[in-house]
């Protein structure tokens, strides 16, 4: 059984030292579905003007359960206002809210 609160806290603690508010810099959290590894990966994507884009791994959650992911994403959204980008989820809805995942 996966503890969603512990997973959320781990992602946020790894995110905190990497997020330094800078001018002309865009931050985004990429949530990537990995169906081959049966996991969901979280990355911090950093785009700065005149620099290369960086993608820093934050955490891997070993589940494909969308209910667990929905609770983790909800916890992340409560603590940060960064944009979340969902990759490789196809045409799927969240189990609780029934909104499209995008």
PDB file of N, CA and C in Angstrom:
ATOM      1  N   UNK A   1       0.846  -1.187   0.000  1.00  0.00           N
ATOM      2  CA  UNK A   1       0.000   0.000   0.000  1.00  0.00           C
ATOM      3  C   UNK A   1       0.886   1.243   0.000  1.00  0.00           C
ATOM      4  N   UNK A   2       0.557   2.173  -0.857  1.00  0.00           N
ATOM      5  CA  UNK A   2       1.350   3.399  -0.995  1.00  0.00           C
ATOM      6  C   UNK A   2       0.760   4.485  -0.112  1.00  0.00           C
ATOM      7  N   UNK A   3       1.635   5.139   0.645  1.00  0.00           N
ATOM      8  CA  UNK A   3       1.228   6.251   1.495  1.00  0.00           C
ATOM      9  C   UNK A   3       1.333   7.538   0.675  1.00  0.00           C
ATOM     10  N   UNK A   4       0.184   8.057   0.249  1.00  0.00           N
ATOM     11  CA  UNK A   4       0.181   9.232  -0.631  1.00  0.00           C
ATOM     12  C   UNK A   4       0.777  10.457   0.044  1.00  0.00           C
ATOM     13  N   UNK A   5       0.532  10.611   1.334  1.00  0.00           N
ATOM     14  CA  UNK A   5       1.062  11.782   2.039  1.00  0.00           C
ATOM     15  C   UNK A   5       2.582  11.740   2.103  1.00  0.00           C
ATOM     16  N   UNK A   6       3.152  10.564   2.331  1.00  0.00           N
ATOM     17  CA  UNK A   6       4.608  10.440   2.384  1.00  0.00           C
ATOM     18  C   UNK A   6       5.223  10.693   1.006  1.00  0.00           C
ATOM     19  N   UNK A   7       4.580  10.182  -0.030  1.00  0.00           N
ATOM     20  CA  UNK A   7       5.074  10.402  -1.392  1.00  0.00           C
ATOM     21  C   UNK A   7       5.025  11.888  -1.750  1.00  0.00           C
ATOM     22  N   UNK A   8       3.931  12.540  -1.402  1.00  0.00           N
ATOM     23  CA  UNK A   8       3.783  13.974  -1.674  1.00  0.00           C
ATOM     24  C   UNK A   8       4.833  14.773  -0.923  1.00  0.00           C
ATOM     25  N   UNK A   9       5.037  14.443   0.344  1.00  0.00           N
ATOM     26  CA  UNK A   9       6.015  15.159   1.156  1.00  0.00           C
ATOM     27  C   UNK A   9       7.424  14.980   0.606  1.00  0.00           C
ATOM     28  N   UNK A  10       7.741  13.775   0.143  1.00  0.00           N
ATOM     29  CA  UNK A  10       9.061  13.511  -0.431  1.00  0.00           C
ATOM     30  C   UNK A  10       9.287  14.338  -1.698  1.00  0.00           C
ATOM     31  N   UNK A  11       8.278  14.399  -2.565  1.00  0.00           N
ATOM     32  CA  UNK A  11       8.396  15.195  -3.796  1.00  0.00           C
ATOM     33  C   UNK A  11       8.590  16.664  -3.458  1.00  0.00           C
ATOM     34  N   UNK A  12       7.823  17.174  -2.503  1.00  0.00           N
ATOM     35  CA  UNK A  12       7.925  18.591  -2.151  1.00  0.00           C
ATOM     36  C   UNK A  12       9.246  18.921  -1.467  1.00  0.00           C
ATOM     37  N   UNK A  13       9.784  18.014  -0.668  1.00  0.00           N
ATOM     38  CA  UNK A  13      11.078  18.292  -0.030  1.00  0.00           C
ATOM     39  C   UNK A  13      12.211  18.273  -1.050  1.00  0.00           C
ATOM     40  N   UNK A  14      12.101  17.440  -2.077  1.00  0.00           N
ATOM     41  CA  UNK A  14      13.109  17.440  -3.138  1.00  0.00           C
ATOM     42  C   UNK A  14      12.953  18.644  -4.062  1.00  0.00           C
ATOM     43  N   UNK A  15      11.747  19.156  -4.161  1.00  0.00           N
ATOM     44  CA  UNK A  15      11.486  20.310  -5.014  1.00  0.00           C
ATOM     45  C   UNK A  15      11.986  21.608  -4.396  1.00  0.00           C
ATOM     46  N   UNK A  16      11.876  21.735  -3.091  1.00  0.00           N
ATOM     47  CA  UNK A  16      12.180  22.996  -2.400  1.00  0.00           C
ATOM     48  C   UNK A  16      13.574  23.549  -2.689  1.00  0.00           C
ATOM     49  N   UNK A  17      14.658  22.788  -2.573  1.00  0.00           N
ATOM     50  CA  UNK A  17      15.970  23.402  -2.842  1.00  0.00           C
ATOM     51  C   UNK A  17      16.224  23.695  -4.319  1.00  0.00           C
ATOM     52  N   UNK A  18      15.489  23.049  -5.212  1.00  0.00           N
ATOM     53  CA  UNK A  18      15.686  23.265  -6.649  1.00  0.00           C
ATOM     54  C   UNK A  18      14.946  24.487  -7.163  1.00  0.00           C
ATOM     55  N   UNK A  19      13.895  24.880  -6.465  1.00  0.00           N
ATOM     56  CA  UNK A  19      13.096  26.015  -6.912  1.00  0.00           C
ATOM     57  C   UNK A  19      13.657  27.293  -6.315  1.00  0.00           C
ATOM     58  N   UNK A  20      14.367  28.058  -7.141  1.00  0.00           N
ATOM     59  CA  UNK A  20      14.883  29.372  -6.748  1.00  0.00           C
ATOM     60  C   UNK A  20      14.293  30.366  -7.731  1.00  0.00           C
ATOM     61  N   UNK A  21      13.436  31.221  -7.246  1.00  0.00           N
ATOM     62  CA  UNK A  21      12.748  32.169  -8.126  1.00  0.00           C
ATOM     63  C   UNK A  21      13.767  33.098  -8.773  1.00  0.00           C
ATOM     64  N   UNK A  22      13.870  33.025 -10.092  1.00  0.00           N
ATOM     65  CA  UNK A  22      14.809  33.836 -10.856  1.00  0.00           C
ATOM     66  C   UNK A  22      14.066  34.549 -11.974  1.00  0.00           C
ATOM     67  N   UNK A  23      14.640  35.643 -12.423  1.00  0.00           N
ATOM     68  CA  UNK A  23      14.064  36.377 -13.532  1.00  0.00           C
ATOM     69  C   UNK A  23      14.230  35.572 -14.805  1.00  0.00           C
ATOM     70  N   UNK A  24      13.242  35.658 -15.691  1.00  0.00           N
ATOM     71  CA  UNK A  24      13.262  35.015 -17.005  1.00  0.00           C
ATOM     72  C   UNK A  24      13.499  33.507 -16.892  1.00  0.00           C
ATOM     73  N   UNK A  25      12.823  32.899 -15.949  1.00  0.00           N
ATOM     74  CA  UNK A  25      12.977  31.471 -15.716  1.00  0.00           C
ATOM     75  C   UNK A  25      11.586  30.853 -15.532  1.00  0.00           C
ATOM     76  N   UNK A  26      11.331  29.740 -16.213  1.00  0.00           N
ATOM     77  CA  UNK A  26      10.050  29.054 -16.095  1.00  0.00           C
ATOM     78  C   UNK A  26      10.262  27.697 -15.433  1.00  0.00           C
ATOM     79  N   UNK A  27       9.404  27.392 -14.469  1.00  0.00           N
ATOM     80  CA  UNK A  27       9.450  26.111 -13.773  1.00  0.00           C
ATOM     81  C   UNK A  27       8.164  25.349 -14.058  1.00  0.00           C
ATOM     82  N   UNK A  28       8.285  24.029 -14.176  1.00  0.00           N
ATOM     83  CA  UNK A  28       7.124  23.195 -14.425  1.00  0.00           C
ATOM     84  C   UNK A  28       7.415  21.802 -13.872  1.00  0.00           C
ATOM     85  N   UNK A  29       6.390  21.153 -13.330  1.00  0.00           N
ATOM     86  CA  UNK A  29       6.525  19.777 -12.871  1.00  0.00           C
ATOM     87  C   UNK A  29       5.926  18.873 -13.943  1.00  0.00           C
ATOM     88  N   UNK A  30       6.741  17.961 -14.460  1.00  0.00           N
ATOM     89  CA  UNK A  30       6.274  16.993 -15.446  1.00  0.00           C
ATOM     90  C   UNK A  30       5.912  15.699 -14.732  1.00  0.00           C
ATOM     91  N   UNK A  31       4.694  15.225 -14.968  1.00  0.00           N
ATOM     92  CA  UNK A  31       4.219  13.956 -14.425  1.00  0.00           C
ATOM     93  C   UNK A  31       4.111  13.014 -15.613  1.00  0.00           C
ATOM     94  N   UNK A  32       4.966  11.990 -15.630  1.00  0.00           N
ATOM     95  CA  UNK A  32       5.090  11.137 -16.805  1.00  0.00           C
ATOM     96  C   UNK A  32       4.665   9.716 -16.477  1.00  0.00           C
ATOM     97  N   UNK A  33       3.716   9.218 -17.251  1.00  0.00           N
ATOM     98  CA  UNK A  33       3.246   7.851 -17.087  1.00  0.00           C
ATOM     99  C   UNK A  33       4.219   6.918 -17.799  1.00  0.00           C
ATOM    100  N   UNK A  34       4.756   5.946 -17.076  1.00  0.00           N
ATOM    101  CA  UNK A  34       5.684   4.965 -17.634  1.00  0.00           C
ATOM    102  C   UNK A  34       5.001   3.599 -17.600  1.00  0.00           C
ATOM    103  N   UNK A  35       4.254   3.245 -18.647  1.00  0.00           N
ATOM    104  CA  UNK A  35       3.520   1.973 -18.612  1.00  0.00           C
ATOM    105  C   UNK A  35       4.427   0.748 -18.652  1.00  0.00           C
ATOM    106  N   UNK A  36       5.633   0.877 -19.188  1.00  0.00           N
ATOM    107  CA  UNK A  36       6.546  -0.262 -19.277  1.00  0.00           C
ATOM    108  C   UNK A  36       7.151  -0.596 -17.918  1.00  0.00           C
ATOM    109  N   UNK A  37       7.386   0.409 -17.112  1.00  0.00           N
ATOM    110  CA  UNK A  37       7.938   0.187 -15.777  1.00  0.00           C
ATOM    111  C   UNK A  37       6.879   0.167 -14.703  1.00  0.00           C
ATOM    112  N   UNK A  38       5.607   0.319 -15.086  1.00  0.00           N
ATOM    113  CA  UNK A  38       4.476   0.357 -14.152  1.00  0.00           C
ATOM    114  C   UNK A  38       4.736   1.377 -13.047  1.00  0.00           C
ATOM    115  N   UNK A  39       5.102   2.579 -13.456  1.00  0.00           N
ATOM    116  CA  UNK A  39       5.413   3.631 -12.499  1.00  0.00           C
ATOM    117  C   UNK A  39       5.023   4.985 -13.077  1.00  0.00           C
ATOM    118  N   UNK A  40       5.035   5.981 -12.207  1.00  0.00           N
ATOM    119  CA  UNK A  40       4.780   7.362 -12.599  1.00  0.00           C
ATOM    120  C   UNK A  40       5.956   8.195 -12.116  1.00  0.00           C
ATOM    121  N   UNK A  41       6.577   8.925 -13.026  1.00  0.00           N
ATOM    122  CA  UNK A  41       7.776   9.700 -12.720  1.00  0.00           C
ATOM    123  C   UNK A  41       7.440  11.179 -12.605  1.00  0.00           C
ATOM    124  N   UNK A  42       8.114  11.848 -11.677  1.00  0.00           N
ATOM    125  CA  UNK A  42       7.968  13.281 -11.472  1.00  0.00           C
ATOM    126  C   UNK A  42       9.312  13.947 -11.757  1.00  0.00           C
ATOM    127  N   UNK A  43       9.272  14.993 -12.598  1.00  0.00           N
ATOM    128  CA  UNK A  43      10.471  15.749 -12.955  1.00  0.00           C
ATOM    129  C   UNK A  43      10.212  17.237 -12.776  1.00  0.00           C
ATOM    130  N   UNK A  44      11.259  17.981 -12.446  1.00  0.00           N
ATOM    131  CA  UNK A  44      11.184  19.434 -12.441  1.00  0.00           C
ATOM    132  C   UNK A  44      11.830  19.923 -13.725  1.00  0.00           C
ATOM    133  N   UNK A  45      11.072  20.634 -14.522  1.00  0.00           N
ATOM    134  CA  UNK A  45      11.549  21.165 -15.790  1.00  0.00           C
ATOM    135  C   UNK A  45      11.856  22.647 -15.601  1.00  0.00           C
ATOM    136  N   UNK A  46      13.100  23.041 -15.901  1.00  0.00           N
ATOM    137  CA  UNK A  46      13.533  24.430 -15.721  1.00  0.00           C
ATOM    138  C   UNK A  46      13.946  24.994 -17.079  1.00  0.00           C
ATOM    139  N   UNK A  47      13.338  26.113 -17.459  1.00  0.00           N
ATOM    140  CA  UNK A  47      13.663  26.795 -18.715  1.00  0.00           C
ATOM    141  C   UNK A  47      14.100  28.221 -18.395  1.00  0.00           C
ATOM    142  N   UNK A  48      15.353  28.520 -18.744  1.00  0.00           N
ATOM    143  CA  UNK A  48      15.876  29.869 -18.557  1.00  0.00           C
ATOM    144  C   UNK A  48      16.226  30.456 -19.911  1.00  0.00           C
ATOM    145  N   UNK A  49      16.115  31.764 -20.011  1.00  0.00           N
ATOM    146  CA  UNK A  49      16.443  32.453 -21.254  1.00  0.00           C
ATOM    147  C   UNK A  49      17.930  32.284 -21.551  1.00  0.00           C
ATOM    148  N   UNK A  50      18.240  31.914 -22.789  1.00  0.00           N
ATOM    149  CA  UNK A  50      19.615  31.744 -23.271  1.00  0.00           C
ATOM    150  C   UNK A  50      20.355  30.603 -22.567  1.00  0.00           C
ATOM    151  N   UNK A  51      19.637  29.651 -22.032  1.00  0.00           N
ATOM    152  CA  UNK A  51      20.237  28.467 -21.413  1.00  0.00           C
ATOM    153  C   UNK A  51      19.532  27.219 -21.939  1.00  0.00           C
ATOM    154  N   UNK A  52      20.142  26.088 -21.747  1.00  0.00           N
ATOM    155  CA  UNK A  52      19.525  24.827 -22.125  1.00  0.00           C
ATOM    156  C   UNK A  52      18.452  24.460 -21.105  1.00  0.00           C
ATOM    157  N   UNK A  53      17.444  23.775 -21.594  1.00  0.00           N
ATOM    158  CA  UNK A  53      16.368  23.308 -20.720  1.00  0.00           C
ATOM    159  C   UNK A  53      16.896  22.163 -19.861  1.00  0.00           C
ATOM    160  N   UNK A  54      16.514  22.177 -18.581  1.00  0.00           N
ATOM    161  CA  UNK A  54      16.936  21.124 -17.660  1.00  0.00           C
ATOM    162  C   UNK A  54      15.719  20.373 -17.154  1.00  0.00           C
ATOM    163  N   UNK A  55      15.857  19.081 -17.020  1.00  0.00           N
ATOM    164  CA  UNK A  55      14.812  18.243 -16.467  1.00  0.00           C
ATOM    165  C   UNK A  55      15.434  17.422 -15.341  1.00  0.00           C
ATOM    166  N   UNK A  56      15.036  17.712 -14.121  1.00  0.00           N
ATOM    167  CA  UNK A  56      15.646  17.092 -12.942  1.00  0.00           C
ATOM    168  C   UNK A  56      14.659  16.097 -12.343  1.00  0.00           C
ATOM    169  N   UNK A  57      15.054  14.825 -12.187  1.00  0.00           N
ATOM    170  CA  UNK A  57      14.133  13.840 -11.603  1.00  0.00           C
ATOM    171  C   UNK A  57      13.880  14.136 -10.131  1.00  0.00           C
ATOM    172  N   UNK A  58      12.606  14.085  -9.744  1.00  0.00           N
ATOM    173  CA  UNK A  58      12.230  14.308  -8.356  1.00  0.00           C
ATOM    174  C   UNK A  58      11.913  13.005  -7.635  1.00  0.00           C
ATOM    175  N   UNK A  59      11.089  12.156  -8.276  1.00  0.00           N
ATOM    176  CA  UNK A  59      10.667  10.930  -7.596  1.00  0.00           C
ATOM    177  C   UNK A  59       9.954  10.009  -8.581  1.00  0.00           C
ATOM    178  N   UNK A  60       9.944   8.725  -8.260  1.00  0.00           N
ATOM    179  CA  UNK A  60       9.198   7.725  -9.017  1.00  0.00           C
ATOM    180  C   UNK A  60       8.244   7.018  -8.068  1.00  0.00           C
ATOM    181  N   UNK A  61       6.980   7.024  -8.426  1.00  0.00           N
ATOM    182  CA  UNK A  61       5.955   6.334  -7.638  1.00  0.00           C
ATOM    183  C   UNK A  61       5.641   5.027  -8.353  1.00  0.00           C
ATOM    184  N   UNK A  62       5.824   3.920  -7.677  1.00  0.00           N
ATOM    185  CA  UNK A  62       5.666   2.590  -8.283  1.00  0.00           C
ATOM    186  C   UNK A  62       4.207   2.151  -8.266  1.00  0.00           C
ATOM    187  N   UNK A  63       3.385   2.830  -9.058  1.00  0.00           N
ATOM    188  CA  UNK A  63       1.984   2.463  -9.177  1.00  0.00           C
ATOM    189  C   UNK A  63       1.431   2.984 -10.490  1.00  0.00           C
ATOM    190  N   UNK A  64       0.369   2.365 -10.951  1.00  0.00           N
ATOM    191  CA  UNK A  64      -0.374   2.850 -12.106  1.00  0.00           C
ATOM    192  C   UNK A  64      -1.786   3.247 -11.683  1.00  0.00           C
ATOM    193  N   UNK A  65      -2.054   3.222 -10.387  1.00  0.00           N
ATOM    194  CA  UNK A  65      -3.378   3.525  -9.847  1.00  0.00           C
ATOM    195  C   UNK A  65      -3.637   5.027  -9.930  1.00  0.00           C
ATOM    196  N   UNK A  66      -4.662   5.419 -10.683  1.00  0.00           N
ATOM    197  CA  UNK A  66      -4.958   6.838 -10.871  1.00  0.00           C
ATOM    198  C   UNK A  66      -5.547   7.481  -9.620  1.00  0.00           C
ATOM    199  N   UNK A  67      -6.181   6.712  -8.756  1.00  0.00           N
ATOM    200  CA  UNK A  67      -6.701   7.279  -7.509  1.00  0.00           C
ATOM    201  C   UNK A  67      -5.554   7.717  -6.608  1.00  0.00           C
ATOM    202  N   UNK A  68      -4.509   6.919  -6.537  1.00  0.00           N
ATOM    203  CA  UNK A  68      -3.323   7.279  -5.752  1.00  0.00           C
ATOM    204  C   UNK A  68      -2.665   8.518  -6.357  1.00  0.00           C
ATOM    205  N   UNK A  69      -2.520   8.523  -7.672  1.00  0.00           N
ATOM    206  CA  UNK A  69      -1.909   9.669  -8.346  1.00  0.00           C
ATOM    207  C   UNK A  69      -2.731  10.934  -8.139  1.00  0.00           C
ATOM    208  N   UNK A  70      -4.041  10.822  -8.184  1.00  0.00           N
ATOM    209  CA  UNK A  70      -4.893  11.991  -8.001  1.00  0.00           C
ATOM    210  C   UNK A  70      -4.701  12.607  -6.618  1.00  0.00           C
ATOM    211  N   UNK A  71      -4.553  11.786  -5.599  1.00  0.00           N
ATOM    212  CA  UNK A  71      -4.324  12.310  -4.246  1.00  0.00           C
ATOM    213  C   UNK A  71      -2.934  12.936  -4.107  1.00  0.00           C
ATOM    214  N   UNK A  72      -1.937  12.342  -4.765  1.00  0.00           N
ATOM    215  CA  UNK A  72      -0.585  12.919  -4.732  1.00  0.00           C
ATOM    216  C   UNK A  72      -0.570  14.271  -5.441  1.00  0.00           C
ATOM    217  N   UNK A  73      -1.194  14.347  -6.606  1.00  0.00           N
ATOM    218  CA  UNK A  73      -1.249  15.601  -7.365  1.00  0.00           C
ATOM    219  C   UNK A  73      -2.020  16.659  -6.592  1.00  0.00           C
ATOM    220  N   UNK A  74      -3.095  16.272  -5.936  1.00  0.00           N
ATOM    221  CA  UNK A  74      -3.861  17.221  -5.126  1.00  0.00           C
ATOM    222  C   UNK A  74      -2.991  17.789  -4.006  1.00  0.00           C
ATOM    223  N   UNK A  75      -2.196  16.932  -3.346  1.00  0.00           N
ATOM    224  CA  UNK A  75      -1.294  17.401  -2.295  1.00  0.00           C
ATOM    225  C   UNK A  75      -0.230  18.342  -2.816  1.00  0.00           C
ATOM    226  N   UNK A  76       0.288  18.064  -3.998  1.00  0.00           N
ATOM    227  CA  UNK A  76       1.300  18.941  -4.597  1.00  0.00           C
ATOM    228  C   UNK A  76       0.688  20.285  -4.943  1.00  0.00           C
ATOM    229  N   UNK A  77      -0.526  20.271  -5.489  1.00  0.00           N
ATOM    230  CA  UNK A  77      -1.186  21.532  -5.856  1.00  0.00           C
ATOM    231  C   UNK A  77      -1.550  22.373  -4.637  1.00  0.00           C
ATOM    232  N   UNK A  78      -1.727  21.757  -3.484  1.00  0.00           N
ATOM    233  CA  UNK A  78      -2.016  22.500  -2.260  1.00  0.00           C
ATOM    234  C   UNK A  78      -0.795  23.279  -1.785  1.00  0.00           C
ATOM    235  N   UNK A  79       0.404  22.770  -2.099  1.00  0.00           N
ATOM    236  CA  UNK A  79       1.630  23.375  -1.576  1.00  0.00           C
ATOM    237  C   UNK A  79       2.367  24.274  -2.566  1.00  0.00           C
ATOM    238  N   UNK A  80       2.119  24.105  -3.853  1.00  0.00           N
ATOM    239  CA  UNK A  80       2.850  24.890  -4.838  1.00  0.00           C
ATOM    240  C   UNK A  80       1.913  25.334  -5.963  1.00  0.00           C
ATOM    241  N   UNK A  81       2.275  26.430  -6.602  1.00  0.00           N
ATOM    242  CA  UNK A  81       1.468  26.957  -7.711  1.00  0.00           C
ATOM    243  C   UNK A  81       2.123  26.666  -9.063  1.00  0.00           C
ATOM    244  N   UNK A  82       3.110  25.761  -9.086  1.00  0.00           N
ATOM    245  CA  UNK A  82       3.771  25.428 -10.338  1.00  0.00           C
ATOM    246  C   UNK A  82       2.819  24.684 -11.270  1.00  0.00           C
ATOM    247  N   UNK A  83       3.039  24.845 -12.561  1.00  0.00           N
ATOM    248  CA  UNK A  83       2.246  24.154 -13.569  1.00  0.00           C
ATOM    249  C   UNK A  83       2.615  22.677 -13.583  1.00  0.00           C
ATOM    250  N   UNK A  84       1.611  21.824 -13.688  1.00  0.00           N
ATOM    251  CA  UNK A  84       1.842  20.394 -13.823  1.00  0.00           C
ATOM    252  C   UNK A  84       1.536  19.982 -15.255  1.00  0.00           C
ATOM    253  N   UNK A  85       2.467  19.299 -15.879  1.00  0.00           N
ATOM    254  CA  UNK A  85       2.336  18.838 -17.253  1.00  0.00           C
ATOM    255  C   UNK A  85       2.247  17.311 -17.235  1.00  0.00           C
ATOM    256  N   UNK A  86       1.149  16.760 -17.750  1.00  0.00           N
ATOM    257  CA  UNK A  86       0.935  15.315 -17.743  1.00  0.00           C
ATOM    258  C   UNK A  86       1.280  14.747 -19.107  1.00  0.00           C
ATOM    259  N   UNK A  87       2.161  13.738 -19.120  1.00  0.00           N
ATOM    260  CA  UNK A  87       2.670  13.154 -20.360  1.00  0.00           C
ATOM    261  C   UNK A  87       2.338  11.659 -20.387  1.00  0.00           C
ATOM    262  N   UNK A  88       1.918  11.156 -21.540  1.00  0.00           N
ATOM    263  CA  UNK A  88       1.630   9.729 -21.785  1.00  0.00           C
ATOM    264  C   UNK A  88       0.431   9.199 -21.011  1.00  0.00           C
ATOM    265  N   UNK A  89      -0.571  10.032 -20.793  1.00  0.00           N
ATOM    266  CA  UNK A  89      -1.763   9.552 -20.110  1.00  0.00           C
ATOM    267  C   UNK A  89      -2.905   9.266 -21.079  1.00  0.00           C
ATOM    268  N   UNK A  90      -2.790   9.700 -22.316  1.00  0.00           N
ATOM    269  CA  UNK A  90      -3.823   9.430 -23.306  1.00  0.00           C
ATOM    270  C   UNK A  90      -5.130  10.128 -22.967  1.00  0.00           C
ATOM    271  N   UNK A  91      -6.244   9.503 -23.312  1.00  0.00           N
ATOM    272  CA  UNK A  91      -7.574  10.056 -23.047  1.00  0.00           C
ATOM    273  C   UNK A  91      -8.170   9.357 -21.830  1.00  0.00           C
ATOM    274  N   UNK A  92      -7.734   9.805 -20.658  1.00  0.00           N
ATOM    275  CA  UNK A  92      -8.153   9.192 -19.403  1.00  0.00           C
ATOM    276  C   UNK A  92      -8.686  10.283 -18.487  1.00  0.00           C
ATOM    277  N   UNK A  93      -9.651   9.935 -17.672  1.00  0.00           N
ATOM    278  CA  UNK A  93     -10.216  10.878 -16.701  1.00  0.00           C
ATOM    279  C   UNK A  93      -9.742  10.533 -15.291  1.00  0.00           C
ATOM    280  N   UNK A  94      -9.708  11.582 -14.440  1.00  0.00           N
ATOM    281  CA  UNK A  94      -9.413  11.343 -13.032  1.00  0.00           C
ATOM    282  C   UNK A  94     -10.562  10.541 -12.418  1.00  0.00           C
ATOM    283  N   UNK A  95     -10.271   9.588 -11.549  1.00  0.00           N
ATOM    284  CA  UNK A  95     -11.337   8.763 -10.974  1.00  0.00           C
ATOM    285  C   UNK A  95     -12.328   9.547 -10.115  1.00  0.00           C
ATOM    286  N   UNK A  96     -11.856  10.482  -9.321  1.00  0.00           N
ATOM    287  CA  UNK A  96     -12.733  11.188  -8.390  1.00  0.00           C
ATOM    288  C   UNK A  96     -13.471  12.347  -9.054  1.00  0.00           C
ATOM    289  N   UNK A  97     -12.744  13.254  -9.707  1.00  0.00           N
ATOM    290  CA  UNK A  97     -13.351  14.462 -10.259  1.00  0.00           C
ATOM    291  C   UNK A  97     -13.937  14.251 -11.660  1.00  0.00           C
ATOM    292  N   UNK A  98     -13.555  13.185 -12.339  1.00  0.00           N
ATOM    293  CA  UNK A  98     -14.013  12.875 -13.694  1.00  0.00           C
ATOM    294  C   UNK A  98     -13.613  13.942 -14.719  1.00  0.00           C
ATOM    295  N   UNK A  99     -12.577  14.698 -14.444  1.00  0.00           N
ATOM    296  CA  UNK A  99     -12.022  15.650 -15.422  1.00  0.00           C
ATOM    297  C   UNK A  99     -10.944  14.940 -16.228  1.00  0.00           C
ATOM    298  N   UNK A 100     -10.731  15.419 -17.454  1.00  0.00           N
ATOM    299  CA  UNK A 100      -9.682  14.847 -18.286  1.00  0.00           C
ATOM    300  C   UNK A 100      -8.307  15.123 -17.680  1.00  0.00           C
ATOM    301  N   UNK A 101      -7.428  14.151 -17.776  1.00  0.00           N
ATOM    302  CA  UNK A 101      -6.053  14.343 -17.315  1.00  0.00           C
ATOM    303  C   UNK A 101      -5.290  15.053 -18.420  1.00  0.00           C
ATOM    304  N   UNK A 102      -4.921  16.307 -18.172  1.00  0.00           N
ATOM    305  CA  UNK A 102      -4.079  17.073 -19.093  1.00  0.00           C
ATOM    306  C   UNK A 102      -3.509  18.262 -18.402  1.00  0.00           C
TER     307      UNK A 102
END
